[in-house]
Each structure stands twice: as structure tokens, then as C-alpha cells.
């Protein structure tokens, strides 16, 4: 009996592998949309006492699930890969920007930050030195600011 089940499972796995060959599969964007769909399902249950809101959440969930299937089974892997890469790049840029803001906030007691009027490079100068002439490290433009 176990051997028969094992052969059946192997057969199903082999057919699935053949079916998925050349298809996109579940990339990072698809996984994130899946999480959003789960959140929409939970929100729909929570707000089930408000019929119009529950209905809108149900529609949004269906759209998300259809889009998940579309992305997973798409054979246009180049286009799906490009979409996923844009998503990953945006997420990375948000993380870098958040990290930059945290570092700047931690240094705000000791330093002032100015932007070069020419190239807009951010320049950090120590506080408490009165008016000083700042030289931009990128374009070598001089400008005067109060530290």
C-alpha cells in the first residue's frame, strides 16, 4: 500500500515538474502579494459586519489571488523577472533610505547637514563653529553656512 502511494506521489510530482517547466513560479513579489491576500482575507472576516467594506475586501482578495496565479503560471519569465527585480530594488532603496535617516537622526546632536547648492550633495559639518565656509567634496563648490 505504501509503495503504491509512493509511486502515485512520484507520478504527481513528476507531472507537476513538467507542467511548471518554463513557468515563472513563486518569486518574491508573488510571495508578498500572497501575504497581502491573507491580510485581506482576515480583514474581510473582521469587518464582516460592514457589508460594503467586506464586499470590497473580498473583491480585492480575489483580484490578488488571480494575480498570484497569473504570475506563478506565466511563461513570460523575462517580464515577470523584470517586475520582480523592480519590486526588490524599491524595497532595497526604502531600506537604504530608512537606514540613512536613522544614522542622520543619531548624529543630529553633533552635526548639521547641508546640501550643496550646485550638485545637491549632502555635506555634514560639526555644530557650534559659527559661520563657516563649506567646500563640497563632490564638486568643490564653496558656500557659507552657519554651523
Protein backbone atom coordinates (compact mmCIF):
# COMPACT_ATOMS: atom_id res chain seq x y z
CA UNK A 1 0.00 0.00 0.00
CA UNK A 2 2.81 2.41 0.89
CA UNK A 3 4.67 1.56 -2.28
CA UNK A 4 1.57 2.24 -4.35
CA UNK A 5 1.09 5.62 -2.66
CA UNK A 6 4.77 6.48 -3.12
CA UNK A 7 4.55 5.73 -6.87
CA UNK A 8 1.40 7.85 -7.10
CA UNK A 9 3.09 10.75 -5.28
CA UNK A 10 6.17 10.47 -7.51
CA UNK A 11 3.93 10.47 -10.60
CA UNK A 12 2.09 13.60 -9.41
CA UNK A 13 5.39 15.34 -8.57
CA UNK A 14 6.81 14.47 -11.99
CA UNK A 15 3.73 15.81 -13.79
CA UNK A 16 3.83 18.99 -11.72
CA UNK A 17 7.53 19.49 -12.51
CA UNK A 18 6.84 19.02 -16.23
CA UNK A 19 3.92 21.46 -16.05
CA UNK A 20 5.99 24.12 -14.25
CA UNK A 21 8.96 23.86 -16.62
CA UNK A 22 9.38 27.23 -18.34
CA UNK A 23 6.97 28.98 -15.98
CA UNK A 24 7.74 31.77 -13.53
CA UNK A 25 6.87 30.07 -10.23
CA UNK A 26 6.65 31.86 -6.90
CA UNK A 27 9.13 34.73 -6.76
CA UNK A 28 9.49 37.36 -4.03
CA UNK A 29 6.79 39.65 -5.43
CA UNK A 30 4.32 36.77 -5.66
CA UNK A 31 5.07 35.80 -2.07
CA UNK A 32 4.48 39.37 -0.90
CA UNK A 33 1.17 39.53 -2.78
CA UNK A 34 0.20 36.25 -1.09
CA UNK A 35 0.77 37.84 2.30
CA UNK A 36 -1.37 40.81 1.26
CA UNK A 37 -4.12 38.42 0.14
CA UNK A 38 -4.04 36.67 3.53
CA UNK A 39 -4.27 40.02 5.31
CA UNK A 40 -7.24 40.96 3.11
CA UNK A 41 -8.97 37.67 3.99
CA UNK A 42 -8.50 38.29 7.72
CA UNK A 43 -9.68 41.90 7.35
CA UNK A 44 -12.76 40.68 5.48
CA UNK A 45 -13.64 38.39 8.38
CA UNK A 46 -13.03 41.14 10.93
CA UNK A 47 -15.18 43.66 9.04
CA UNK A 48 -17.90 41.18 8.05
CA UNK A 49 -20.46 43.29 9.98
CA UNK A 50 -19.97 46.11 7.44
CA UNK A 51 -21.34 44.58 4.24
CA UNK A 52 -19.93 47.05 1.70
CA UNK A 53 -16.43 47.01 3.24
CA UNK A 54 -16.45 43.22 3.46
CA UNK A 55 -17.55 43.02 -0.17
CA UNK A 56 -14.75 45.36 -1.30
CA UNK A 57 -12.19 43.39 0.69
CA UNK A 58 -13.47 40.15 -0.89
CA UNK A 59 -13.10 41.62 -4.38
CA UNK A 60 -9.58 42.85 -3.59
CA UNK A 61 -8.71 39.36 -2.29
CA UNK A 62 -9.99 37.71 -5.46
CA UNK A 63 -8.03 40.14 -7.63
CA UNK A 64 -4.87 39.45 -5.60
CA UNK A 65 -5.31 35.67 -5.87
CA UNK A 66 -5.93 35.84 -9.62
CA UNK A 67 -2.79 37.96 -9.99
CA UNK A 68 -0.83 35.42 -7.91
CA UNK A 69 -1.90 32.61 -10.25
CA UNK A 70 -1.15 34.75 -13.29
CA UNK A 71 2.39 35.50 -12.08
CA UNK A 72 3.08 31.93 -10.93
CA UNK A 73 1.98 30.20 -14.12
CA UNK A 74 3.18 32.84 -16.58
CA UNK A 75 5.55 31.64 -19.29
CA UNK A 76 6.81 35.15 -19.94
CA UNK A 77 9.58 34.72 -17.38
CA UNK A 78 11.60 37.69 -18.63
CA UNK A 79 8.75 40.12 -17.98
CA UNK A 80 7.92 38.58 -14.57
CA UNK A 81 11.59 38.66 -13.61
CA UNK A 82 11.79 42.33 -14.56
CA UNK A 83 8.71 43.11 -12.43
CA UNK A 84 10.18 41.19 -9.51
CA UNK A 85 13.52 42.99 -9.86
CA UNK A 86 11.79 46.41 -9.79
CA UNK A 87 9.96 45.33 -6.62
CA UNK A 88 13.19 44.12 -4.98
CA UNK A 89 15.02 47.34 -5.96
CA UNK A 90 12.26 49.53 -4.50
CA UNK A 91 12.31 47.53 -1.28
CA UNK A 92 16.11 47.83 -1.08
CA UNK A 93 16.00 51.59 -1.73
CA UNK A 94 13.41 52.06 1.04
CA UNK A 95 15.63 50.13 3.46
CA UNK A 96 18.69 52.20 2.50
CA UNK A 97 16.74 55.44 2.93
CA UNK A 98 15.42 54.32 6.33
CA UNK A 99 18.95 53.44 7.44
CA UNK A 100 20.25 56.82 6.23
CA UNK A 101 17.52 58.68 8.18
CA UNK A 102 18.31 56.69 11.34
CA UNK A 103 22.03 57.48 11.08
CA UNK A 104 21.33 61.14 10.44
CA UNK A 105 18.94 61.33 13.41
CA UNK A 106 21.60 59.75 15.65
CA UNK A 107 24.17 62.34 14.51
CA UNK A 108 21.85 65.37 14.64
CA UNK A 109 23.08 66.39 18.12
CA UNK A 110 26.68 66.80 16.96
CA UNK A 111 26.39 67.74 13.28
CA UNK A 112 24.41 69.90 10.87
CA UNK A 113 23.59 68.70 7.39
CA UNK A 114 23.52 70.93 4.33
CA UNK A 115 23.04 70.31 0.63
CA UNK A 116 25.45 71.74 -1.89
CA UNK A 117 23.63 74.44 -3.94
CA UNK A 118 25.23 73.16 -7.16
CA UNK A 119 25.25 69.36 -7.11
CA UNK A 120 22.91 68.76 -4.11
CA UNK A 121 25.45 66.52 -2.38
CA UNK A 122 24.69 66.26 1.33
CA UNK A 123 27.52 67.65 3.48
CA UNK A 124 27.93 67.07 7.22
CA UNK A 125 29.61 69.77 9.35
CA UNK A 126 30.16 69.93 13.13
CA UNK A 127 27.85 72.17 15.16
CA UNK A 128 28.95 75.20 17.15
CA UNK A 129 31.61 76.79 14.92
CA UNK A 130 29.62 79.87 13.82
CA UNK A 131 29.60 80.83 10.14
CA UNK A 132 31.93 78.61 8.17
CA UNK A 133 32.86 78.14 4.55
CA UNK A 134 31.99 74.65 3.40
CA UNK A 135 33.65 73.02 0.40
CA UNK A 136 31.55 70.37 -1.32
CA UNK A 137 33.58 67.14 -1.57
CA UNK A 138 31.92 66.23 -4.86
CA UNK A 139 32.06 69.39 -6.99
CA UNK A 140 34.47 71.55 -4.90
CA UNK A 141 31.94 74.42 -4.76
CA UNK A 142 32.35 76.71 -1.72
CA UNK A 143 29.34 78.02 0.19
CA UNK A 144 28.88 79.70 3.59
CA UNK A 145 26.52 78.40 6.25
CA UNK A 146 26.08 78.71 10.00
CA UNK A 147 27.19 75.62 11.87
